[in-house]
Amino acid sequence: MPILKLVLTLLLACLVAAACASDSDDSSPPVAATESPTVETTQPAQTPAPEPTTAEEGPSNAQQELADAIFSAMLNDEERPDAVTEGQLRCLGDGVAGVFSNDRLDELGITGARVTAAYTDRGTFALGDDYDINDSEASQVVDVSMGCLDWRTVIAAAITQEGIPADQANCIASELSDESIRSSVESGLVSQSEDDLGIAQSEASGALQACLNVRDLLFETFIQDGLSEQSARCVADGLPEELVEMMLEGPELDDEEAALELMGELMALQNRCLTPEEIESMGGSSSLQ
């Protein structure tokens, strides 16, 4: 999840590359997925798809093409949590397609092929970004998806796939408000959000602080990045508390003097904890330039 990846970004940029600057980059590459979790879920009631807005009985060819495209794209997504079933995805595809009449699909230029291509390219639909759908249609799309999937369970499962223990992932999902869950769904289906999946930074930070042992998470991440257990534990335990809090609350290094001081602490920690080979393999330097 981008929120979780954001937690790791500042540390990896400052510690591993030893290049912490006052202006931090809030984006990060995807974190390798781990084995899909076994997440207990209560199947939500399958709500029927809205009646198509055309006078026809049953979906039109264009509606069926869109429904099939949404179903297939998400079904074949390698990162789809096991908690998301084929039945839920069929409900979602049929429901979203039913929001739009055949004439409206033609007017907007929405086709199954275009939707599939967009999802393949970025892993999201973002119908509101790609097409000029109105507020009512956007709201209906979200309503349909909320009726078809238990999104809190989906979010917990997706967080677990990023390497977070299932109990902590479930805790994070439980800390999110219904409003944030809806906003997250909207960001994936209606408007693409690359930074926080529609969840407010303050709420995400609160959930992380309530549920995660950040130092243990970083320890596991450093091992995945090639450090020995001894080096990874040394770094994770030795991080300044100020940096750990800043990682959770959102990286802010507007004060250049403070940034340089923090960089010095990280360089010292790097040199104390990592072997020269580990420093070199991660692109760092054993001394300040």
C-alpha atoms as a PDB file:
ATOM      1  CA  MET A   1       0.000   0.000   0.000  1.00  0.00           C
ATOM      2  CA  PRO A   2       1.307   3.455  -0.805  1.00  0.00           C
ATOM      3  CA  ILE A   3       0.843   4.625   2.782  1.00  0.00           C
ATOM      4  CA  LEU A   4       3.045   1.797   4.014  1.00  0.00           C
ATOM      5  CA  LYS A   5       5.565   2.362   1.253  1.00  0.00           C
ATOM      6  CA  LEU A   6       5.731   6.013   2.279  1.00  0.00           C
ATOM      7  CA  VAL A   7       6.815   4.885   5.738  1.00  0.00           C
ATOM      8  CA  LEU A   8       9.856   3.189   4.246  1.00  0.00           C
ATOM      9  CA  THR A   9      10.792   5.766   1.620  1.00  0.00           C
ATOM     10  CA  LEU A  10      12.511   8.381   3.765  1.00  0.00           C
ATOM     11  CA  LEU A  11      14.611   5.877   5.628  1.00  0.00           C
ATOM     12  CA  LEU A  12      15.786   4.044   2.525  1.00  0.00           C
ATOM     13  CA  ALA A  13      16.636   7.307   0.805  1.00  0.00           C
ATOM     14  CA  CYS A  14      18.540   8.717   3.779  1.00  0.00           C
ATOM     15  CA  LEU A  15      20.160   5.663   5.287  1.00  0.00           C
ATOM     16  CA  VAL A  16      20.881   3.325   2.414  1.00  0.00           C
ATOM     17  CA  ALA A  17      21.789   5.941  -0.174  1.00  0.00           C
ATOM     18  CA  ALA A  18      23.047   8.393   2.490  1.00  0.00           C
ATOM     19  CA  ALA A  19      21.556  11.200   0.467  1.00  0.00           C
ATOM     20  CA  CYS A  20      19.014  12.782   2.773  1.00  0.00           C
ATOM     21  CA  ALA A  21      18.180  16.295   1.638  1.00  0.00           C
ATOM     22  CA  SER A  22      15.772  18.933   2.862  1.00  0.00           C
ATOM     23  CA  ASP A  23      13.308  18.184   0.061  1.00  0.00           C
ATOM     24  CA  SER A  24      12.187  14.543   0.362  1.00  0.00           C
ATOM     25  CA  ASP A  25      10.550  12.472  -2.357  1.00  0.00           C
ATOM     26  CA  ASP A  26       7.199  11.065  -1.239  1.00  0.00           C
ATOM     27  CA  SER A  27       7.084   8.281  -3.822  1.00  0.00           C
ATOM     28  CA  SER A  28       8.616   4.842  -3.665  1.00  0.00           C
ATOM     29  CA  PRO A  29       8.927   1.678  -5.740  1.00  0.00           C
ATOM     30  CA  PRO A  30       6.592  -1.202  -5.024  1.00  0.00           C
ATOM     31  CA  VAL A  31       7.489  -3.439  -2.088  1.00  0.00           C
ATOM     32  CA  ALA A  32       7.785  -7.125  -2.935  1.00  0.00           C
ATOM     33  CA  ALA A  33       4.653  -9.009  -2.028  1.00  0.00           C
ATOM     34  CA  THR A  34       4.753 -11.917   0.367  1.00  0.00           C
ATOM     35  CA  GLU A  35       2.549 -14.947   0.522  1.00  0.00           C
ATOM     36  CA  SER A  36      -1.113 -14.015   0.489  1.00  0.00           C
ATOM     37  CA  PRO A  37      -2.677 -14.051   3.976  1.00  0.00           C
ATOM     38  CA  THR A  38      -5.528 -16.071   5.292  1.00  0.00           C
ATOM     39  CA  VAL A  39      -7.898 -13.325   6.280  1.00  0.00           C
ATOM     40  CA  GLU A  40     -11.157 -14.145   7.983  1.00  0.00           C
ATOM     41  CA  THR A  41     -13.962 -12.452   6.126  1.00  0.00           C
ATOM     42  CA  THR A  42     -17.677 -12.251   6.284  1.00  0.00           C
ATOM     43  CA  GLN A  43     -19.035 -12.305   2.779  1.00  0.00           C
ATOM     44  CA  PRO A  44     -20.988  -9.105   2.180  1.00  0.00           C
ATOM     45  CA  ALA A  45     -24.477  -9.330   0.863  1.00  0.00           C
ATOM     46  CA  GLN A  46     -24.352  -9.434  -2.887  1.00  0.00           C
ATOM     47  CA  THR A  47     -26.381  -6.431  -3.935  1.00  0.00           C
ATOM     48  CA  PRO A  48     -28.011  -6.625  -7.335  1.00  0.00           C
ATOM     49  CA  ALA A  49     -26.586  -4.435 -10.048  1.00  0.00           C
ATOM     50  CA  PRO A  50     -28.567  -1.262 -10.715  1.00  0.00           C
ATOM     51  CA  GLU A  51     -31.154  -1.461 -13.432  1.00  0.00           C
ATOM     52  CA  PRO A  52     -29.579  -0.289 -16.698  1.00  0.00           C
ATOM     53  CA  THR A  53     -30.739   3.146 -17.662  1.00  0.00           C
ATOM     54  CA  THR A  54     -31.759   2.011 -21.126  1.00  0.00           C
ATOM     55  CA  ALA A  55     -35.164   0.641 -21.969  1.00  0.00           C
ATOM     56  CA  GLU A  56     -33.670  -2.692 -22.960  1.00  0.00           C
ATOM     57  CA  GLU A  57     -34.076  -5.843 -20.908  1.00  0.00           C
ATOM     58  CA  GLY A  58     -30.724  -7.011 -19.649  1.00  0.00           C
ATOM     59  CA  PRO A  59     -27.352  -5.398 -20.407  1.00  0.00           C
ATOM     60  CA  SER A  60     -26.504  -4.114 -23.854  1.00  0.00           C
ATOM     61  CA  ASN A  61     -23.463  -5.433 -25.681  1.00  0.00           C
ATOM     62  CA  ALA A  62     -21.474  -2.375 -24.602  1.00  0.00           C
ATOM     63  CA  GLN A  63     -22.490  -2.793 -20.985  1.00  0.00           C
ATOM     64  CA  GLN A  64     -21.637  -6.491 -21.024  1.00  0.00           C
ATOM     65  CA  GLU A  65     -18.260  -5.753 -22.606  1.00  0.00           C
ATOM     66  CA  LEU A  66     -17.484  -3.243 -19.848  1.00  0.00           C
ATOM     67  CA  ALA A  67     -18.671  -5.631 -17.124  1.00  0.00           C
ATOM     68  CA  ASP A  68     -16.512  -8.439 -18.508  1.00  0.00           C
ATOM     69  CA  ALA A  69     -13.489  -6.144 -18.820  1.00  0.00           C
ATOM     70  CA  ILE A  70     -13.721  -5.017 -15.180  1.00  0.00           C
ATOM     71  CA  PHE A  71     -14.235  -8.594 -13.995  1.00  0.00           C
ATOM     72  CA  SER A  72     -11.348 -10.033 -16.027  1.00  0.00           C
ATOM     73  CA  ALA A  73      -8.875  -7.236 -15.265  1.00  0.00           C
ATOM     74  CA  MET A  74      -9.298  -7.575 -11.511  1.00  0.00           C
ATOM     75  CA  LEU A  75      -9.598 -11.356 -11.540  1.00  0.00           C
ATOM     76  CA  ASN A  76      -6.277 -11.700 -13.378  1.00  0.00           C
ATOM     77  CA  ASP A  77      -4.469  -9.112 -11.272  1.00  0.00           C
ATOM     78  CA  GLU A  78      -1.525 -10.955  -9.713  1.00  0.00           C
ATOM     79  CA  GLU A  79      -1.800  -8.776  -6.601  1.00  0.00           C
ATOM     80  CA  ARG A  80      -5.498  -9.530  -6.048  1.00  0.00           C
ATOM     81  CA  PRO A  81      -5.947 -10.588  -2.408  1.00  0.00           C
ATOM     82  CA  ASP A  82      -7.417 -14.027  -1.868  1.00  0.00           C
ATOM     83  CA  ALA A  83     -10.159 -12.314   0.118  1.00  0.00           C
ATOM     84  CA  VAL A  84     -11.612 -10.993  -3.151  1.00  0.00           C
ATOM     85  CA  THR A  85     -13.712 -13.723  -4.752  1.00  0.00           C
ATOM     86  CA  GLU A  86     -14.827 -14.227  -8.335  1.00  0.00           C
ATOM     87  CA  GLY A  87     -18.420 -13.698  -7.280  1.00  0.00           C
ATOM     88  CA  GLN A  88     -17.582 -10.327  -5.746  1.00  0.00           C
ATOM     89  CA  LEU A  89     -15.737  -9.248  -8.872  1.00  0.00           C
ATOM     90  CA  ARG A  90     -18.617 -10.314 -11.101  1.00  0.00           C
ATOM     91  CA  CYS A  91     -20.961  -8.312  -8.891  1.00  0.00           C
ATOM     92  CA  LEU A  92     -18.627  -5.318  -9.194  1.00  0.00           C
ATOM     93  CA  GLY A  93     -18.277  -5.529 -12.970  1.00  0.00           C
ATOM     94  CA  ASP A  94     -21.997  -5.934 -13.561  1.00  0.00           C
ATOM     95  CA  GLY A  95     -22.841  -3.189 -11.086  1.00  0.00           C
ATOM     96  CA  VAL A  96     -20.435  -0.596 -12.475  1.00  0.00           C
ATOM     97  CA  ALA A  97     -21.490  -1.310 -16.043  1.00  0.00           C
ATOM     98  CA  GLY A  98     -25.131  -0.962 -15.011  1.00  0.00           C
ATOM     99  CA  VAL A  99     -24.543   2.604 -13.857  1.00  0.00           C
ATOM    100  CA  PHE A 100     -24.166   3.738 -17.480  1.00  0.00           C
ATOM    101  CA  SER A 101     -26.679   3.399 -20.289  1.00  0.00           C
ATOM    102  CA  ASN A 102     -25.546   2.218 -23.688  1.00  0.00           C
ATOM    103  CA  ASP A 103     -25.901   5.758 -25.063  1.00  0.00           C
ATOM    104  CA  ARG A 104     -23.964   7.179 -22.124  1.00  0.00           C
ATOM    105  CA  LEU A 105     -21.095   4.734 -22.634  1.00  0.00           C
ATOM    106  CA  ASP A 106     -20.956   5.758 -26.269  1.00  0.00           C
ATOM    107  CA  GLU A 107     -21.050   9.455 -25.340  1.00  0.00           C
ATOM    108  CA  LEU A 108     -18.212   9.078 -22.836  1.00  0.00           C
ATOM    109  CA  GLY A 109     -16.181   6.749 -25.034  1.00  0.00           C
ATOM    110  CA  ILE A 110     -15.971   4.070 -22.353  1.00  0.00           C
ATOM    111  CA  THR A 111     -15.213   0.654 -23.819  1.00  0.00           C
ATOM    112  CA  GLY A 112     -14.077  -2.602 -22.310  1.00  0.00           C
ATOM    113  CA  ALA A 113     -10.845  -2.490 -24.300  1.00  0.00           C
ATOM    114  CA  ARG A 114      -9.936   1.000 -23.084  1.00  0.00           C
ATOM    115  CA  VAL A 115     -10.716   0.163 -19.481  1.00  0.00           C
ATOM    116  CA  THR A 116      -8.629  -3.009 -19.695  1.00  0.00           C
ATOM    117  CA  ALA A 117      -5.675  -1.116 -21.181  1.00  0.00           C
ATOM    118  CA  ALA A 118      -5.809   1.519 -18.447  1.00  0.00           C
ATOM    119  CA  TYR A 119      -5.945  -1.099 -15.693  1.00  0.00           C
ATOM    120  CA  THR A 120      -3.087  -3.057 -17.242  1.00  0.00           C
ATOM    121  CA  ASP A 121      -0.991   0.107 -17.383  1.00  0.00           C
ATOM    122  CA  ARG A 122      -1.499   1.345 -13.833  1.00  0.00           C
ATOM    123  CA  GLY A 123      -3.519  -1.171 -11.834  1.00  0.00           C
ATOM    124  CA  THR A 124      -6.536   1.079 -11.331  1.00  0.00           C
ATOM    125  CA  PHE A 125      -9.598   2.150 -13.292  1.00  0.00           C
ATOM    126  CA  ALA A 126      -9.896   5.858 -12.378  1.00  0.00           C
ATOM    127  CA  LEU A 127     -13.028   6.294 -14.492  1.00  0.00           C
ATOM    128  CA  GLY A 128     -13.408   9.893 -13.342  1.00  0.00           C
ATOM    129  CA  ASP A 129      -9.908  10.778 -14.537  1.00  0.00           C
ATOM    130  CA  ASP A 130     -10.206   9.074 -17.898  1.00  0.00           C
ATOM    131  CA  TYR A 131     -13.785  10.028 -18.733  1.00  0.00           C
ATOM    132  CA  ASP A 132     -16.066  12.973 -18.032  1.00  0.00           C
ATOM    133  CA  ILE A 133     -18.463  11.101 -15.751  1.00  0.00           C
ATOM    134  CA  ASN A 134     -20.644  13.245 -13.519  1.00  0.00           C
ATOM    135  CA  ASP A 135     -20.816  13.319  -9.729  1.00  0.00           C
ATOM    136  CA  SER A 136     -23.940  11.182  -9.612  1.00  0.00           C
ATOM    137  CA  GLU A 137     -22.346   8.474 -11.741  1.00  0.00           C
ATOM    138  CA  ALA A 138     -19.179   8.559  -9.651  1.00  0.00           C
ATOM    139  CA  SER A 139     -21.199   8.165  -6.463  1.00  0.00           C
ATOM    140  CA  GLN A 140     -23.145   5.244  -7.939  1.00  0.00           C
ATOM    141  CA  VAL A 141     -19.918   3.500  -8.962  1.00  0.00           C
ATOM    142  CA  VAL A 142     -18.656   3.736  -5.377  1.00  0.00           C
ATOM    143  CA  ASP A 143     -22.015   2.638  -3.946  1.00  0.00           C
ATOM    144  CA  VAL A 144     -22.042  -0.454  -6.174  1.00  0.00           C
ATOM    145  CA  SER A 145     -18.490  -1.407  -5.229  1.00  0.00           C
ATOM    146  CA  MET A 146     -19.182  -0.967  -1.520  1.00  0.00           C
ATOM    147  CA  GLY A 147     -22.143  -3.293  -1.846  1.00  0.00           C
ATOM    148  CA  CYS A 148     -20.191  -5.977  -3.682  1.00  0.00           C
ATOM    149  CA  LEU A 149     -16.948  -6.133  -1.677  1.00  0.00           C
ATOM    150  CA  ASP A 150     -16.005  -5.957   1.976  1.00  0.00           C
ATOM    151  CA  TRP A 151     -13.360  -3.302   1.392  1.00  0.00           C
ATOM    152  CA  ARG A 152     -12.080  -3.216   4.952  1.00  0.00           C
ATOM    153  CA  THR A 153     -11.141  -6.887   4.611  1.00  0.00           C
ATOM    154  CA  VAL A 154      -9.704  -6.234   1.147  1.00  0.00           C
ATOM    155  CA  ILE A 155      -7.498  -3.434   2.512  1.00  0.00           C
ATOM    156  CA  ALA A 156      -6.312  -5.634   5.385  1.00  0.00           C
ATOM    157  CA  ALA A 157      -5.431  -8.421   2.962  1.00  0.00           C
ATOM    158  CA  ALA A 158      -3.588  -6.037   0.641  1.00  0.00           C
ATOM    159  CA  ILE A 159      -1.572  -4.626   3.554  1.00  0.00           C
ATOM    160  CA  THR A 160      -0.626  -8.159   4.596  1.00  0.00           C
ATOM    161  CA  GLN A 161       0.645  -8.853   1.087  1.00  0.00           C
ATOM    162  CA  GLU A 162       3.121  -6.015   1.634  1.00  0.00           C
ATOM    163  CA  GLY A 163       4.730  -8.040   4.425  1.00  0.00           C
ATOM    164  CA  ILE A 164       2.747  -6.800   7.425  1.00  0.00           C
ATOM    165  CA  PRO A 165       1.567  -9.537   9.844  1.00  0.00           C
ATOM    166  CA  ALA A 166      -2.128 -10.285   9.403  1.00  0.00           C
ATOM    167  CA  ASP A 167      -3.082  -9.230  12.928  1.00  0.00           C
ATOM    168  CA  GLN A 168      -1.419  -5.845  12.462  1.00  0.00           C
ATOM    169  CA  ALA A 169      -2.948  -5.419   8.999  1.00  0.00           C
ATOM    170  CA  ASN A 170      -6.411  -6.160  10.382  1.00  0.00           C
ATOM    171  CA  CYS A 171      -5.752  -3.670  13.154  1.00  0.00           C
ATOM    172  CA  ILE A 172      -4.827  -0.953  10.629  1.00  0.00           C
ATOM    173  CA  ALA A 173      -7.952  -1.583   8.576  1.00  0.00           C
ATOM    174  CA  SER A 174     -10.114  -1.498  11.705  1.00  0.00           C
ATOM    175  CA  GLU A 175      -8.654   1.892  12.666  1.00  0.00           C
ATOM    176  CA  LEU A 176      -9.770   3.481   9.384  1.00  0.00           C
ATOM    177  CA  SER A 177     -13.082   5.316   9.369  1.00  0.00           C
ATOM    178  CA  ASP A 178     -15.934   4.389   7.057  1.00  0.00           C
ATOM    179  CA  GLU A 179     -15.377   7.715   5.307  1.00  0.00           C
ATOM    180  CA  SER A 180     -11.750   6.833   4.607  1.00  0.00           C
ATOM    181  CA  ILE A 181     -12.698   3.382   3.334  1.00  0.00           C
ATOM    182  CA  ARG A 182     -15.140   4.985   0.907  1.00  0.00           C
ATOM    183  CA  SER A 183     -12.554   7.582  -0.112  1.00  0.00           C
ATOM    184  CA  SER A 184     -10.035   4.808  -0.744  1.00  0.00           C
ATOM    185  CA  VAL A 185     -12.475   2.939  -2.958  1.00  0.00           C
ATOM    186  CA  GLU A 186     -13.251   6.138  -4.850  1.00  0.00           C
ATOM    187  CA  SER A 187      -9.547   6.786  -5.461  1.00  0.00           C
ATOM    188  CA  GLY A 188      -9.146   3.379  -7.076  1.00  0.00           C
ATOM    189  CA  LEU A 189     -12.277   3.289  -9.202  1.00  0.00           C
ATOM    190  CA  VAL A 190     -13.057   6.940  -9.887  1.00  0.00           C
ATOM    191  CA  SER A 191     -10.044   9.190  -9.372  1.00  0.00           C
ATOM    192  CA  GLN A 192      -6.504   7.892  -9.305  1.00  0.00           C
ATOM    193  CA  SER A 193      -4.529   8.865  -6.194  1.00  0.00           C
ATOM    194  CA  GLU A 194      -0.842   7.960  -6.208  1.00  0.00           C
ATOM    195  CA  ASP A 195       0.019   9.350  -2.769  1.00  0.00           C
ATOM    196  CA  ASP A 196      -2.343   7.980  -0.160  1.00  0.00           C
ATOM    197  CA  LEU A 197      -5.169   6.015  -1.767  1.00  0.00           C
ATOM    198  CA  GLY A 198      -7.600   8.656  -0.560  1.00  0.00           C
ATOM    199  CA  ILE A 199      -6.858   8.134   3.141  1.00  0.00           C
ATOM    200  CA  ALA A 200      -5.930  11.262   5.094  1.00  0.00           C
ATOM    201  CA  GLN A 201      -2.294  11.285   6.211  1.00  0.00           C
ATOM    202  CA  SER A 202      -3.245  12.034   9.814  1.00  0.00           C
ATOM    203  CA  GLU A 203      -5.634   9.077   9.975  1.00  0.00           C
ATOM    204  CA  ALA A 204      -3.176   6.739   8.277  1.00  0.00           C
ATOM    205  CA  SER A 205      -0.433   7.807  10.676  1.00  0.00           C
ATOM    206  CA  GLY A 206      -2.706   7.214  13.651  1.00  0.00           C
ATOM    207  CA  ALA A 207      -3.578   3.735  12.404  1.00  0.00           C
ATOM    208  CA  LEU A 208       0.080   2.881  11.851  1.00  0.00           C
ATOM    209  CA  GLN A 209       1.120   4.109  15.277  1.00  0.00           C
ATOM    210  CA  ALA A 210      -1.723   2.196  16.928  1.00  0.00           C
ATOM    211  CA  CYS A 211      -1.019  -1.086  15.172  1.00  0.00           C
ATOM    212  CA  LEU A 212       2.574  -1.401  13.938  1.00  0.00           C
ATOM    213  CA  ASN A 213       5.883  -2.111  15.565  1.00  0.00           C
ATOM    214  CA  VAL A 214       7.759   0.065  13.095  1.00  0.00           C
ATOM    215  CA  ARG A 215      11.243  -1.012  14.137  1.00  0.00           C
ATOM    216  CA  ASP A 216      10.396  -4.688  13.642  1.00  0.00           C
ATOM    217  CA  LEU A 217       8.886  -3.827  10.254  1.00  0.00           C
ATOM    218  CA  LEU A 218      12.055  -2.030   9.216  1.00  0.00           C
ATOM    219  CA  PHE A 219      14.169  -4.932  10.485  1.00  0.00           C
ATOM    220  CA  GLU A 220      12.302  -7.315   8.178  1.00  0.00           C
ATOM    221  CA  THR A 221      12.519  -4.866   5.283  1.00  0.00           C
ATOM    222  CA  PHE A 222      16.287  -4.437   5.652  1.00  0.00           C
ATOM    223  CA  ILE A 223      16.747  -8.210   5.603  1.00  0.00           C
ATOM    224  CA  GLN A 224      14.731  -8.364   2.369  1.00  0.00           C
ATOM    225  CA  ASP A 225      17.044  -5.673   1.004  1.00  0.00           C
ATOM    226  CA  GLY A 226      20.082  -7.871   1.649  1.00  0.00           C
ATOM    227  CA  LEU A 227      21.365  -6.894   5.083  1.00  0.00           C
ATOM    228  CA  SER A 228      22.377  -9.535   7.584  1.00  0.00           C
ATOM    229  CA  GLU A 229      20.121 -10.001  10.606  1.00  0.00           C
ATOM    230  CA  GLN A 230      22.754  -8.427  12.831  1.00  0.00           C
ATOM    231  CA  SER A 231      23.123  -5.357  10.621  1.00  0.00           C
ATOM    232  CA  ALA A 232      19.373  -5.010  10.086  1.00  0.00           C
ATOM    233  CA  ARG A 233      18.657  -5.170  13.822  1.00  0.00           C
ATOM    234  CA  CYS A 234      21.417  -2.674  14.565  1.00  0.00           C
ATOM    235  CA  VAL A 235      19.977  -0.165  12.102  1.00  0.00           C
ATOM    236  CA  ALA A 236      16.327  -0.663  13.069  1.00  0.00           C
ATOM    237  CA  ASP A 237      17.012  -0.340  16.798  1.00  0.00           C
ATOM    238  CA  GLY A 238      19.466   2.531  16.362  1.00  0.00           C
ATOM    239  CA  LEU A 239      17.258   4.874  14.363  1.00  0.00           C
ATOM    240  CA  PRO A 240      16.630   8.179  16.129  1.00  0.00           C
ATOM    241  CA  GLU A 241      13.132   8.291  17.593  1.00  0.00           C
ATOM    242  CA  GLU A 242      12.645  11.624  15.843  1.00  0.00           C
ATOM    243  CA  LEU A 243      13.090   9.930  12.480  1.00  0.00           C
ATOM    244  CA  VAL A 244      10.717   7.077  13.332  1.00  0.00           C
ATOM    245  CA  GLU A 245       8.024   9.584  14.340  1.00  0.00           C
ATOM    246  CA  MET A 246       8.656  11.634  11.219  1.00  0.00           C
ATOM    247  CA  MET A 247       8.313   8.547   9.026  1.00  0.00           C
ATOM    248  CA  LEU A 248       4.893   7.831  10.514  1.00  0.00           C
ATOM    249  CA  GLU A 249       3.632  11.389  10.418  1.00  0.00           C
ATOM    250  CA  GLY A 250       4.972  12.215   6.973  1.00  0.00           C
ATOM    251  CA  PRO A 251       8.511  13.303   6.053  1.00  0.00           C
ATOM    252  CA  GLU A 252       9.076  17.015   6.583  1.00  0.00           C
ATOM    253  CA  LEU A 253      12.635  18.300   6.394  1.00  0.00           C
ATOM    254  CA  ASP A 254      12.150  21.971   5.584  1.00  0.00           C
ATOM    255  CA  ASP A 255      14.878  23.039   8.000  1.00  0.00           C
ATOM    256  CA  GLU A 256      18.175  22.555   6.162  1.00  0.00           C
ATOM    257  CA  GLU A 257      20.246  22.611   9.339  1.00  0.00           C
ATOM    258  CA  ALA A 258      18.061  19.950  10.949  1.00  0.00           C
ATOM    259  CA  ALA A 259      18.257  17.871   7.780  1.00  0.00           C
ATOM    260  CA  LEU A 260      22.056  18.002   7.774  1.00  0.00           C
ATOM    261  CA  GLU A 261      22.160  17.048  11.448  1.00  0.00           C
ATOM    262  CA  LEU A 262      19.875  14.099  10.799  1.00  0.00           C
ATOM    263  CA  MET A 263      21.986  13.029   7.837  1.00  0.00           C
ATOM    264  CA  GLY A 264      25.034  13.017  10.088  1.00  0.00           C
ATOM    265  CA  GLU A 265      23.256  10.774  12.587  1.00  0.00           C
ATOM    266  CA  LEU A 266      22.220   8.398   9.819  1.00  0.00           C
ATOM    267  CA  MET A 267      25.727   8.275   8.372  1.00  0.00           C
ATOM    268  CA  ALA A 268      27.111   7.446  11.797  1.00  0.00           C
ATOM    269  CA  LEU A 269      24.485   4.744  12.236  1.00  0.00           C
ATOM    270  CA  GLN A 270      25.262   3.348   8.799  1.00  0.00           C
ATOM    271  CA  ASN A 271      28.977   3.171   9.490  1.00  0.00           C
ATOM    272  CA  ARG A 272      28.388   1.597  12.895  1.00  0.00           C
ATOM    273  CA  CYS A 273      25.927  -1.059  11.755  1.00  0.00           C
ATOM    274  CA  LEU A 274      26.754  -2.022   8.173  1.00  0.00           C
ATOM    275  CA  THR A 275      29.743  -3.792   6.740  1.00  0.00           C
ATOM    276  CA  PRO A 276      31.657  -2.007   3.955  1.00  0.00           C
ATOM    277  CA  GLU A 277      30.266  -4.562   1.512  1.00  0.00           C
ATOM    278  CA  GLU A 278      26.685  -3.847   2.604  1.00  0.00           C
ATOM    279  CA  ILE A 279      27.212  -0.114   2.301  1.00  0.00           C
ATOM    280  CA  GLU A 280      28.665  -0.495  -1.174  1.00  0.00           C
ATOM    281  CA  SER A 281      25.953  -2.877  -2.350  1.00  0.00           C
ATOM    282  CA  MET A 282      23.282  -0.358  -1.389  1.00  0.00           C
ATOM    283  CA  GLY A 283      24.930   2.565  -3.078  1.00  0.00           C
ATOM    284  CA  GLY A 284      25.997   4.302   0.104  1.00  0.00           C
ATOM    285  CA  SER A 285      29.285   5.834   1.167  1.00  0.00           C
ATOM    286  CA  SER A 286      31.256   5.166   4.311  1.00  0.00           C
ATOM    287  CA  SER A 287      32.000   8.839   4.785  1.00  0.00           C
ATOM    288  CA  LEU A 288      30.333  12.163   4.137  1.00  0.00           C
ATOM    289  CA  GLN A 289      31.183  13.764   0.830  1.00  0.00           C
END
